[in-house]
C-alpha atoms as a PDB file:
ATOM      1  CA  MET A   1     -17.833 -10.444  -9.439  1.00  0.00           C
ATOM      2  CA  GLN A   2     -20.126 -12.690 -11.454  1.00  0.00           C
ATOM      3  CA  ARG A   3     -23.235 -13.968  -9.719  1.00  0.00           C
ATOM      4  CA  GLU A   4     -24.621 -17.453  -9.213  1.00  0.00           C
ATOM      5  CA  LEU A   5     -28.114 -18.045 -10.553  1.00  0.00           C
ATOM      6  CA  ARG A   6     -30.289 -20.191  -8.307  1.00  0.00           C
ATOM      7  CA  LEU A   7     -33.692 -21.792  -8.873  1.00  0.00           C
ATOM      8  CA  ASP A   8     -35.479 -23.000  -5.750  1.00  0.00           C
ATOM      9  CA  GLY A   9     -38.684 -25.027  -6.106  1.00  0.00           C
ATOM     10  CA  VAL A  10     -39.476 -23.330  -9.396  1.00  0.00           C
ATOM     11  CA  GLY A  11     -42.621 -24.241 -11.302  1.00  0.00           C
ATOM     12  CA  ARG A  12     -44.177 -22.868 -14.469  1.00  0.00           C
ATOM     13  CA  ARG A  13     -47.585 -23.259 -16.045  1.00  0.00           C
ATOM     14  CA  TYR A  14     -49.419 -21.176 -18.620  1.00  0.00           C
ATOM     15  CA  GLY A  15     -52.796 -19.902 -17.452  1.00  0.00           C
ATOM     16  CA  MET A  16     -54.377 -20.050 -14.026  1.00  0.00           C
ATOM     17  CA  ARG A  17     -55.578 -23.624 -14.503  1.00  0.00           C
ATOM     18  CA  GLY A  18     -53.215 -24.846 -17.185  1.00  0.00           C
ATOM     19  CA  PRO A  19     -51.151 -28.000 -16.654  1.00  0.00           C
ATOM     20  CA  TRP A  20     -47.780 -27.645 -14.986  1.00  0.00           C
ATOM     21  CA  VAL A  21     -44.971 -27.667 -17.537  1.00  0.00           C
ATOM     22  CA  LEU A  22     -42.299 -27.692 -14.832  1.00  0.00           C
ATOM     23  CA  ARG A  23     -42.524 -28.058 -11.089  1.00  0.00           C
ATOM     24  CA  GLY A  24     -40.129 -28.397  -8.173  1.00  0.00           C
ATOM     25  CA  VAL A  25     -37.051 -27.419 -10.171  1.00  0.00           C
ATOM     26  CA  ASP A  26     -33.889 -26.797  -8.142  1.00  0.00           C
ATOM     27  CA  LEU A  27     -30.758 -25.698 -10.001  1.00  0.00           C
ATOM     28  CA  ASP A  28     -27.586 -23.745  -9.252  1.00  0.00           C
ATOM     29  CA  VAL A  29     -25.730 -22.243 -12.227  1.00  0.00           C
ATOM     30  CA  THR A  30     -22.350 -21.105 -10.958  1.00  0.00           C
ATOM     31  CA  PRO A  31     -19.880 -18.831 -12.771  1.00  0.00           C
ATOM     32  CA  GLY A  32     -17.537 -20.643 -15.150  1.00  0.00           C
ATOM     33  CA  THR A  33     -19.769 -23.689 -15.643  1.00  0.00           C
ATOM     34  CA  LEU A  34     -21.205 -25.382 -18.720  1.00  0.00           C
ATOM     35  CA  VAL A  35     -24.603 -27.053 -18.305  1.00  0.00           C
ATOM     36  CA  ARG A  36     -26.355 -29.252 -20.854  1.00  0.00           C
ATOM     37  CA  VAL A  37     -30.137 -29.738 -20.597  1.00  0.00           C
ATOM     38  CA  GLU A  38     -31.639 -32.814 -22.269  1.00  0.00           C
ATOM     39  CA  GLY A  39     -35.090 -34.299 -22.655  1.00  0.00           C
ATOM     40  CA  THR A  40     -37.576 -35.447 -25.254  1.00  0.00           C
ATOM     41  CA  ASN A  41     -39.703 -32.968 -27.180  1.00  0.00           C
ATOM     42  CA  GLY A  42     -42.413 -31.308 -25.107  1.00  0.00           C
ATOM     43  CA  THR A  43     -40.851 -32.005 -21.716  1.00  0.00           C
ATOM     44  CA  GLY A  44     -40.230 -28.337 -20.897  1.00  0.00           C
ATOM     45  CA  LYS A  45     -36.600 -27.750 -21.903  1.00  0.00           C
ATOM     46  CA  SER A  46     -37.346 -24.469 -23.664  1.00  0.00           C
ATOM     47  CA  THR A  47     -39.531 -23.346 -20.767  1.00  0.00           C
ATOM     48  CA  LEU A  48     -36.641 -23.988 -18.384  1.00  0.00           C
ATOM     49  CA  LEU A  49     -34.269 -21.984 -20.566  1.00  0.00           C
ATOM     50  CA  ARG A  50     -36.747 -19.092 -20.750  1.00  0.00           C
ATOM     51  CA  LEU A  51     -36.924 -19.094 -16.948  1.00  0.00           C
ATOM     52  CA  LEU A  52     -33.129 -19.059 -16.724  1.00  0.00           C
ATOM     53  CA  ALA A  53     -32.929 -16.222 -19.246  1.00  0.00           C
ATOM     54  CA  GLY A  54     -35.558 -14.179 -17.413  1.00  0.00           C
ATOM     55  CA  ILE A  55     -37.929 -14.218 -20.404  1.00  0.00           C
ATOM     56  CA  ASP A  56     -40.609 -15.998 -18.348  1.00  0.00           C
ATOM     57  CA  ALA A  57     -41.311 -15.577 -14.643  1.00  0.00           C
ATOM     58  CA  PRO A  58     -41.907 -18.637 -12.452  1.00  0.00           C
ATOM     59  CA  THR A  59     -45.471 -19.419 -11.416  1.00  0.00           C
ATOM     60  CA  GLU A  60     -44.106 -20.645  -8.099  1.00  0.00           C
ATOM     61  CA  GLY A  61     -40.707 -20.840  -6.434  1.00  0.00           C
ATOM     62  CA  ARG A  62     -37.845 -18.353  -6.515  1.00  0.00           C
ATOM     63  CA  VAL A  63     -35.138 -17.303  -8.965  1.00  0.00           C
ATOM     64  CA  THR A  64     -32.284 -15.430  -7.260  1.00  0.00           C
ATOM     65  CA  GLY A  65     -28.869 -13.999  -8.125  1.00  0.00           C
ATOM     66  CA  ARG A  66     -29.772 -12.828 -11.613  1.00  0.00           C
ATOM     67  CA  PRO A  67     -26.549 -12.397 -13.665  1.00  0.00           C
ATOM     68  CA  ARG A  68     -26.283 -10.331 -16.827  1.00  0.00           C
ATOM     69  CA  THR A  69     -27.854 -12.716 -19.334  1.00  0.00           C
ATOM     70  CA  ALA A  70     -28.047 -13.180 -23.094  1.00  0.00           C
ATOM     71  CA  TYR A  71     -30.346 -15.645 -24.843  1.00  0.00           C
ATOM     72  CA  VAL A  72     -30.461 -17.295 -28.252  1.00  0.00           C
ATOM     73  CA  PRO A  73     -34.047 -18.504 -28.768  1.00  0.00           C
ATOM     74  CA  GLU A  74     -35.068 -21.584 -30.712  1.00  0.00           C
ATOM     75  CA  ARG A  75     -36.772 -19.326 -33.280  1.00  0.00           C
ATOM     76  CA  PHE A  76     -35.375 -15.925 -34.166  1.00  0.00           C
ATOM     77  CA  PRO A  77     -37.901 -13.282 -35.343  1.00  0.00           C
ATOM     78  CA  PRO A  78     -36.378 -11.994 -38.624  1.00  0.00           C
ATOM     79  CA  ALA A  79     -39.204  -9.579 -39.566  1.00  0.00           C
ATOM     80  CA  LEU A  80     -37.704  -6.548 -37.806  1.00  0.00           C
ATOM     81  CA  PRO A  81     -37.074  -3.167 -39.488  1.00  0.00           C
ATOM     82  CA  PHE A  82     -33.262  -3.306 -39.266  1.00  0.00           C
ATOM     83  CA  THR A  83     -30.272  -4.361 -41.281  1.00  0.00           C
ATOM     84  CA  ALA A  84     -28.160  -7.031 -39.612  1.00  0.00           C
ATOM     85  CA  ALA A  85     -25.500  -4.529 -38.496  1.00  0.00           C
ATOM     86  CA  ALA A  86     -28.042  -1.945 -37.313  1.00  0.00           C
ATOM     87  CA  TYR A  87     -29.932  -4.568 -35.306  1.00  0.00           C
ATOM     88  CA  LEU A  88     -26.760  -5.807 -33.615  1.00  0.00           C
ATOM     89  CA  THR A  89     -25.564  -2.280 -32.883  1.00  0.00           C
ATOM     90  CA  HIS A  90     -28.940  -1.450 -31.338  1.00  0.00           C
ATOM     91  CA  LEU A  91     -28.860  -4.598 -29.200  1.00  0.00           C
ATOM     92  CA  GLY A  92     -25.326  -3.800 -28.134  1.00  0.00           C
ATOM     93  CA  THR A  93     -26.425  -0.420 -26.783  1.00  0.00           C
ATOM     94  CA  VAL A  94     -29.323  -2.125 -24.987  1.00  0.00           C
ATOM     95  CA  HIS A  95     -26.725  -4.381 -23.325  1.00  0.00           C
ATOM     96  CA  GLY A  96     -24.845  -1.300 -22.115  1.00  0.00           C
ATOM     97  CA  LEU A  97     -22.171  -0.792 -24.784  1.00  0.00           C
ATOM     98  CA  SER A  98     -21.482   2.598 -26.299  1.00  0.00           C
ATOM     99  CA  ARG A  99     -22.711   2.918 -29.872  1.00  0.00           C
ATOM    100  CA  ARG A 100     -19.158   2.815 -31.185  1.00  0.00           C
ATOM    101  CA  ALA A 101     -18.284  -0.269 -29.133  1.00  0.00           C
ATOM    102  CA  ALA A 102     -21.557  -1.942 -30.156  1.00  0.00           C
ATOM    103  CA  ALA A 103     -20.886  -1.311 -33.853  1.00  0.00           C
ATOM    104  CA  ARG A 104     -17.359  -2.663 -33.500  1.00  0.00           C
ATOM    105  CA  ALA A 105     -18.557  -5.798 -31.682  1.00  0.00           C
ATOM    106  CA  ALA A 106     -21.300  -6.303 -34.288  1.00  0.00           C
ATOM    107  CA  GLY A 107     -18.733  -6.263 -37.076  1.00  0.00           C
ATOM    108  CA  GLN A 108     -16.419  -8.616 -35.230  1.00  0.00           C
ATOM    109  CA  TRP A 109     -19.115 -11.202 -34.551  1.00  0.00           C
ATOM    110  CA  LEU A 110     -20.533 -11.061 -38.069  1.00  0.00           C
ATOM    111  CA  GLU A 111     -16.974 -11.650 -39.319  1.00  0.00           C
ATOM    112  CA  ARG A 112     -16.363 -14.548 -36.919  1.00  0.00           C
ATOM    113  CA  LEU A 113     -19.627 -16.234 -37.867  1.00  0.00           C
ATOM    114  CA  GLY A 114     -19.092 -15.805 -41.616  1.00  0.00           C
ATOM    115  CA  ALA A 115     -21.871 -13.239 -42.137  1.00  0.00           C
ATOM    116  CA  ALA A 116     -19.914 -10.015 -42.645  1.00  0.00           C
ATOM    117  CA  GLY A 117     -21.144  -9.803 -46.232  1.00  0.00           C
ATOM    118  CA  TYR A 118     -24.719  -9.437 -44.971  1.00  0.00           C
ATOM    119  CA  ALA A 119     -24.120  -6.538 -42.569  1.00  0.00           C
ATOM    120  CA  SER A 120     -26.179  -4.136 -44.716  1.00  0.00           C
ATOM    121  CA  THR A 121     -28.903  -6.647 -45.607  1.00  0.00           C
ATOM    122  CA  PRO A 122     -32.359  -6.163 -44.031  1.00  0.00           C
ATOM    123  CA  LEU A 123     -33.180  -8.937 -41.562  1.00  0.00           C
ATOM    124  CA  ALA A 124     -36.307  -9.881 -43.518  1.00  0.00           C
ATOM    125  CA  ARG A 125     -34.156 -10.740 -46.548  1.00  0.00           C
ATOM    126  CA  LEU A 126     -31.686 -12.992 -44.757  1.00  0.00           C
ATOM    127  CA  SER A 127     -31.712 -16.752 -45.201  1.00  0.00           C
ATOM    128  CA  LYS A 128     -32.621 -18.876 -42.203  1.00  0.00           C
ATOM    129  CA  GLY A 129     -28.971 -19.783 -41.636  1.00  0.00           C
ATOM    130  CA  THR A 130     -27.774 -16.184 -41.767  1.00  0.00           C
ATOM    131  CA  SER A 131     -30.632 -15.090 -39.487  1.00  0.00           C
ATOM    132  CA  GLN A 132     -29.422 -17.665 -36.996  1.00  0.00           C
ATOM    133  CA  LYS A 133     -25.912 -16.223 -37.169  1.00  0.00           C
ATOM    134  CA  VAL A 134     -27.362 -12.811 -36.307  1.00  0.00           C
ATOM    135  CA  ALA A 135     -29.276 -14.379 -33.415  1.00  0.00           C
ATOM    136  CA  VAL A 136     -26.058 -15.889 -32.079  1.00  0.00           C
ATOM    137  CA  ALA A 137     -24.105 -12.657 -32.587  1.00  0.00           C
ATOM    138  CA  GLN A 138     -26.614 -10.556 -30.618  1.00  0.00           C
ATOM    139  CA  ALA A 139     -26.168 -12.818 -27.602  1.00  0.00           C
ATOM    140  CA  LEU A 140     -22.376 -12.607 -27.646  1.00  0.00           C
ATOM    141  CA  LEU A 141     -21.947  -8.863 -28.219  1.00  0.00           C
ATOM    142  CA  ALA A 142     -21.525  -7.765 -24.616  1.00  0.00           C
ATOM    143  CA  GLU A 143     -19.814 -10.832 -23.100  1.00  0.00           C
ATOM    144  CA  PRO A 144     -22.735 -11.969 -20.921  1.00  0.00           C
ATOM    145  CA  GLU A 145     -22.265 -13.503 -17.486  1.00  0.00           C
ATOM    146  CA  LEU A 146     -24.846 -16.155 -18.427  1.00  0.00           C
ATOM    147  CA  LEU A 147     -25.331 -17.363 -21.998  1.00  0.00           C
ATOM    148  CA  VAL A 148     -28.503 -19.394 -22.653  1.00  0.00           C
ATOM    149  CA  LEU A 149     -28.620 -21.329 -25.941  1.00  0.00           C
ATOM    150  CA  ASP A 150     -31.807 -23.026 -27.134  1.00  0.00           C
ATOM    151  CA  GLU A 151     -30.892 -25.152 -30.184  1.00  0.00           C
ATOM    152  CA  ALA A 152     -28.554 -22.325 -31.199  1.00  0.00           C
ATOM    153  CA  TRP A 153     -26.491 -24.515 -33.549  1.00  0.00           C
ATOM    154  CA  THR A 154     -29.508 -25.441 -35.683  1.00  0.00           C
ATOM    155  CA  GLY A 155     -29.248 -23.904 -39.149  1.00  0.00           C
ATOM    156  CA  LEU A 156     -25.597 -22.902 -38.849  1.00  0.00           C
ATOM    157  CA  ASP A 157     -22.986 -24.106 -41.320  1.00  0.00           C
ATOM    158  CA  ALA A 158     -20.018 -26.153 -40.096  1.00  0.00           C
ATOM    159  CA  GLU A 159     -17.671 -23.179 -39.690  1.00  0.00           C
ATOM    160  CA  ALA A 160     -20.227 -21.161 -37.717  1.00  0.00           C
ATOM    161  CA  ARG A 161     -20.996 -24.180 -35.509  1.00  0.00           C
ATOM    162  CA  GLY A 162     -17.312 -24.456 -34.675  1.00  0.00           C
ATOM    163  CA  GLU A 163     -17.122 -20.727 -33.973  1.00  0.00           C
ATOM    164  CA  LEU A 164     -20.044 -20.955 -31.565  1.00  0.00           C
ATOM    165  CA  GLU A 165     -18.340 -23.814 -29.739  1.00  0.00           C
ATOM    166  CA  ARG A 166     -15.219 -21.645 -29.400  1.00  0.00           C
ATOM    167  CA  ALA A 167     -17.393 -18.798 -28.108  1.00  0.00           C
ATOM    168  CA  VAL A 168     -18.824 -21.129 -25.454  1.00  0.00           C
ATOM    169  CA  ALA A 169     -15.287 -22.037 -24.382  1.00  0.00           C
ATOM    170  CA  GLU A 170     -14.386 -18.338 -24.217  1.00  0.00           C
ATOM    171  CA  ARG A 171     -17.373 -17.572 -22.018  1.00  0.00           C
ATOM    172  CA  THR A 172     -16.639 -20.356 -19.519  1.00  0.00           C
ATOM    173  CA  ALA A 173     -12.885 -19.683 -19.515  1.00  0.00           C
ATOM    174  CA  SER A 174     -13.558 -16.041 -18.618  1.00  0.00           C
ATOM    175  CA  GLY A 175     -15.848 -17.041 -15.753  1.00  0.00           C
ATOM    176  CA  GLY A 176     -19.214 -16.878 -17.497  1.00  0.00           C
ATOM    177  CA  ALA A 177     -21.795 -19.653 -17.360  1.00  0.00           C
ATOM    178  CA  VAL A 178     -23.407 -21.328 -20.358  1.00  0.00           C
ATOM    179  CA  VAL A 179     -26.620 -23.379 -20.352  1.00  0.00           C
ATOM    180  CA  PHE A 180     -27.606 -25.060 -23.604  1.00  0.00           C
ATOM    181  CA  VAL A 181     -30.039 -27.400 -25.289  1.00  0.00           C
ATOM    182  CA  ASP A 182     -29.096 -29.125 -28.532  1.00  0.00           C
ATOM    183  CA  HIS A 183     -30.615 -32.032 -30.449  1.00  0.00           C
ATOM    184  CA  ASP A 184     -27.171 -33.493 -31.225  1.00  0.00           C
ATOM    185  CA  PRO A 185     -25.955 -35.576 -28.248  1.00  0.00           C
ATOM    186  CA  ARG A 186     -22.366 -35.104 -29.454  1.00  0.00           C
ATOM    187  CA  ARG A 187     -22.543 -31.329 -29.102  1.00  0.00           C
ATOM    188  CA  LEU A 188     -19.841 -30.291 -26.599  1.00  0.00           C
ATOM    189  CA  ALA A 189     -19.805 -33.866 -25.297  1.00  0.00           C
ATOM    190  CA  ASP A 190     -16.044 -33.626 -24.741  1.00  0.00           C
ATOM    191  CA  ALA A 191     -16.173 -30.348 -22.828  1.00  0.00           C
ATOM    192  CA  GLN A 192     -15.978 -29.933 -19.059  1.00  0.00           C
ATOM    193  CA  GLY A 193     -19.471 -29.555 -17.620  1.00  0.00           C
ATOM    194  CA  ALA A 194     -22.603 -31.117 -16.155  1.00  0.00           C
ATOM    195  CA  ALA A 195     -25.770 -32.540 -17.698  1.00  0.00           C
ATOM    196  CA  TYR A 196     -29.410 -32.572 -16.612  1.00  0.00           C
ATOM    197  CA  THR A 197     -32.509 -34.242 -18.007  1.00  0.00           C
ATOM    198  CA  VAL A 198     -36.014 -32.759 -17.938  1.00  0.00           C
ATOM    199  CA  ARG A 199     -38.402 -35.630 -17.214  1.00  0.00           C
ATOM    200  CA  ASP A 200     -41.849 -35.902 -15.660  1.00  0.00           C
ATOM    201  CA  GLY A 201     -42.052 -32.137 -15.297  1.00  0.00           C
ATOM    202  CA  THR A 202     -38.914 -31.702 -13.237  1.00  0.00           C
ATOM    203  CA  LEU A 203     -35.135 -31.642 -13.536  1.00  0.00           C
ATOM    204  CA  HIS A 204     -32.862 -34.620 -12.857  1.00  0.00           C
ATOM    205  CA  ARG A 205     -29.083 -34.420 -12.723  1.00  0.00           C
ATOM    206  CA  ARG A 206     -27.326 -37.124 -14.706  1.00  0.00           C
ATOM    207  CA  THR A 207     -24.853 -39.172 -12.710  1.00  0.00           C
ATOM    208  CA  GLU A 208     -22.281 -38.828 -15.483  1.00  0.00           C
ATOM    209  CA  HIS A 209     -20.980 -35.385 -16.446  1.00  0.00           C
ATOM    210  CA  LEU A 210     -19.944 -33.911 -19.704  1.00  0.00           C
ATOM    211  CA  GLY A 211     -16.245 -34.263 -20.319  1.00  0.00           C
ATOM    212  CA  VAL A 212     -16.369 -37.759 -21.851  1.00  0.00           C
ATOM    213  CA  PRO A 213     -13.993 -37.631 -24.841  1.00  0.00           C
ATOM    214  CA  ASP A 214     -15.977 -37.737 -28.071  1.00  0.00           C
ATOM    215  CA  GLY A 215     -13.723 -36.067 -30.624  1.00  0.00           C
ATOM    216  CA  PRO A 216     -10.173 -34.979 -31.408  1.00  0.00           C
ATOM    217  CA  ARG A 217      -8.314 -33.634 -28.419  1.00  0.00           C
ATOM    218  CA  VAL A 218      -5.112 -31.687 -27.929  1.00  0.00           C
ATOM    219  CA  VAL A 219      -2.521 -32.004 -25.164  1.00  0.00           C
ATOM    220  CA  VAL A 220      -0.816 -28.760 -24.132  1.00  0.00           C
ATOM    221  CA  ARG A 221       2.239 -29.051 -21.892  1.00  0.00           C
ATOM    222  CA  VAL A 222       2.993 -25.929 -19.885  1.00  0.00           C
ATOM    223  CA  GLN A 223       5.525 -24.784 -17.316  1.00  0.00           C
ATOM    224  CA  GLY A 224       5.118 -22.163 -14.629  1.00  0.00           C
ATOM    225  CA  PRO A 225       6.772 -21.195 -11.372  1.00  0.00           C
ATOM    226  CA  PRO A 226       6.504 -24.037  -8.810  1.00  0.00           C
ATOM    227  CA  GLY A 227       3.673 -23.270  -6.439  1.00  0.00           C
ATOM    228  CA  ASP A 228       1.786 -21.057  -8.899  1.00  0.00           C
ATOM    229  CA  ALA A 229      -1.764 -22.199  -9.629  1.00  0.00           C
ATOM    230  CA  LEU A 230      -2.905 -22.676 -13.189  1.00  0.00           C
ATOM    231  CA  PRO A 231      -5.202 -19.896 -14.441  1.00  0.00           C
ATOM    232  CA  ALA A 232      -8.783 -20.600 -13.385  1.00  0.00           C
ATOM    233  CA  GLY A 233      -9.928 -20.108 -16.972  1.00  0.00           C
ATOM    234  CA  ALA A 234      -7.694 -22.943 -18.161  1.00  0.00           C
ATOM    235  CA  LEU A 235      -9.109 -25.331 -15.573  1.00  0.00           C
ATOM    236  CA  ARG A 236     -12.664 -24.514 -16.630  1.00  0.00           C
ATOM    237  CA  ILE A 237     -12.140 -25.881 -20.157  1.00  0.00           C
ATOM    238  CA  ALA A 238      -9.306 -28.415 -19.790  1.00  0.00           C
ATOM    239  CA  ALA A 239      -8.407 -31.457 -17.702  1.00  0.00           C
ATOM    240  CA  ALA A 240      -5.068 -30.912 -15.942  1.00  0.00           C
ATOM    241  CA  GLU A 241      -2.426 -33.367 -14.720  1.00  0.00           C
ATOM    242  CA  GLU A 242       0.689 -32.208 -12.862  1.00  0.00           C
ATOM    243  CA  SER A 243       3.821 -34.199 -13.739  1.00  0.00           C
ATOM    244  CA  ARG A 244       6.180 -32.259 -11.455  1.00  0.00           C
ATOM    245  CA  PRO A 245       5.923 -28.983  -9.549  1.00  0.00           C
ATOM    246  CA  GLY A 246       4.905 -26.245 -11.955  1.00  0.00           C
ATOM    247  CA  SER A 247       4.681 -28.588 -14.964  1.00  0.00           C
ATOM    248  CA  TYR A 248       1.252 -29.602 -16.289  1.00  0.00           C
ATOM    249  CA  SER A 249      -0.333 -31.491 -19.170  1.00  0.00           C
ATOM    250  CA  LEU A 250      -3.664 -29.976 -20.156  1.00  0.00           C
ATOM    251  CA  THR A 251      -6.053 -32.001 -22.305  1.00  0.00           C
ATOM    252  CA  VAL A 252      -8.700 -30.036 -24.167  1.00  0.00           C
ATOM    253  CA  PRO A 253     -11.087 -30.568 -27.108  1.00  0.00           C
ATOM    254  CA  ALA A 254      -9.310 -29.564 -30.321  1.00  0.00           C
ATOM    255  CA  SER A 255     -11.976 -26.918 -30.978  1.00  0.00           C
ATOM    256  CA  HIS A 256     -11.054 -25.221 -27.681  1.00  0.00           C
ATOM    257  CA  SER A 257      -7.260 -25.364 -27.988  1.00  0.00           C
ATOM    258  CA  ASP A 258      -6.871 -21.796 -29.252  1.00  0.00           C
ATOM    259  CA  VAL A 259      -8.980 -20.517 -26.345  1.00  0.00           C
ATOM    260  CA  LEU A 260      -6.800 -22.451 -23.885  1.00  0.00           C
ATOM    261  CA  LEU A 261      -3.580 -21.106 -25.405  1.00  0.00           C
ATOM    262  CA  ARG A 262      -4.873 -17.543 -25.288  1.00  0.00           C
ATOM    263  CA  THR A 263      -5.875 -18.001 -21.647  1.00  0.00           C
ATOM    264  CA  LEU A 264      -2.403 -19.279 -20.734  1.00  0.00           C
ATOM    265  CA  LEU A 265      -0.461 -16.683 -22.696  1.00  0.00           C
ATOM    266  CA  THR A 266      -2.472 -13.703 -21.448  1.00  0.00           C
ATOM    267  CA  ALA A 267      -2.289 -14.763 -17.790  1.00  0.00           C
ATOM    268  CA  ARG A 268      -0.227 -12.559 -15.455  1.00  0.00           C
ATOM    269  CA  PRO A 269       2.448 -13.818 -15.398  1.00  0.00           C
ATOM    270  CA  PRO A 270       2.016 -15.804 -18.640  1.00  0.00           C
ATOM    271  CA  TRP A 271       2.626 -19.538 -18.629  1.00  0.00           C
ATOM    272  CA  HIS A 272       5.336 -21.018 -20.857  1.00  0.00           C
ATOM    273  CA  VAL A 273       3.866 -23.390 -23.467  1.00  0.00           C
ATOM    274  CA  VAL A 274       6.332 -26.265 -23.866  1.00  0.00           C
ATOM    275  CA  SER A 275       4.480 -28.244 -26.546  1.00  0.00           C
ATOM    276  CA  VAL A 276       1.149 -28.699 -28.275  1.00  0.00           C
ATOM    277  CA  HIS A 277       0.200 -31.982 -29.938  1.00  0.00           C
ATOM    278  CA  ALA A 278      -2.793 -34.123 -30.830  1.00  0.00           C
ATOM    279  CA  GLN A 279      -3.700 -36.745 -28.276  1.00  0.00           C
ATOM    280  CA  GLU A 280      -2.619 -40.200 -29.407  1.00  0.00           C
ATOM    281  CA  GLY A 281      -4.024 -43.624 -28.779  1.00  0.00           C
ATOM    282  CA  PRO A 282      -7.363 -44.608 -27.140  1.00  0.00           C
ATOM    283  CA  ARG A 283      -9.070 -41.812 -25.252  1.00  0.00           C
END
């Protein structure tokens, strides 16, 4: 069972007499949720993410319910004595995978992110964009319960950005939580989730949530036995409307449609997909 992460009255400052970067932060990150953190530069967003990831300890307050966490930092240290594949395999074993499973996952994620051709390249010789792909891959290797992304899309090409968005949908659909910061306000703006702003040294929940349509969307019509509930994973990434018992229309960002279909078709029992089409008209 995946665990809820909870911050109660958390504060962080650097040095015994340094200024408070954050103070009085309360936050619950529940399994299956997507959380966006916003704020201007220097407000403490990265500090908050480091607290969530367990990289930093709070100066005051409590962090409880620590899930198995993976973190993509804002800056990835490329000067490490590994090739890309060796580094990912090593990190996979650190996360608890067998060496064989870690090597397999490393290859799969390098392939998905368009970096398979650099598997044998030393990290120090990778471009900034390819280094960022390795940074993303290391966080996704072992299917973390909590994925923390600090500007993780920065430096990625368009295909890798889309793949990371699909990975986020996969994590939330499977019951994991994702917390992210990104400079692009459109990033995942049409996904189900919540948003917070770091301001004046503390955290404020926005009254509006994520889930406002901001891109192409797909409608998936499905049929199941009357009385059967839709898979929880589908409801985490899609908005559902029941037209008659057992018949639903699910609206999902186009980038997440393949994740939704996989969730429906691998459910036990699987749901029958009646149709899939682009959403028409004003959203």
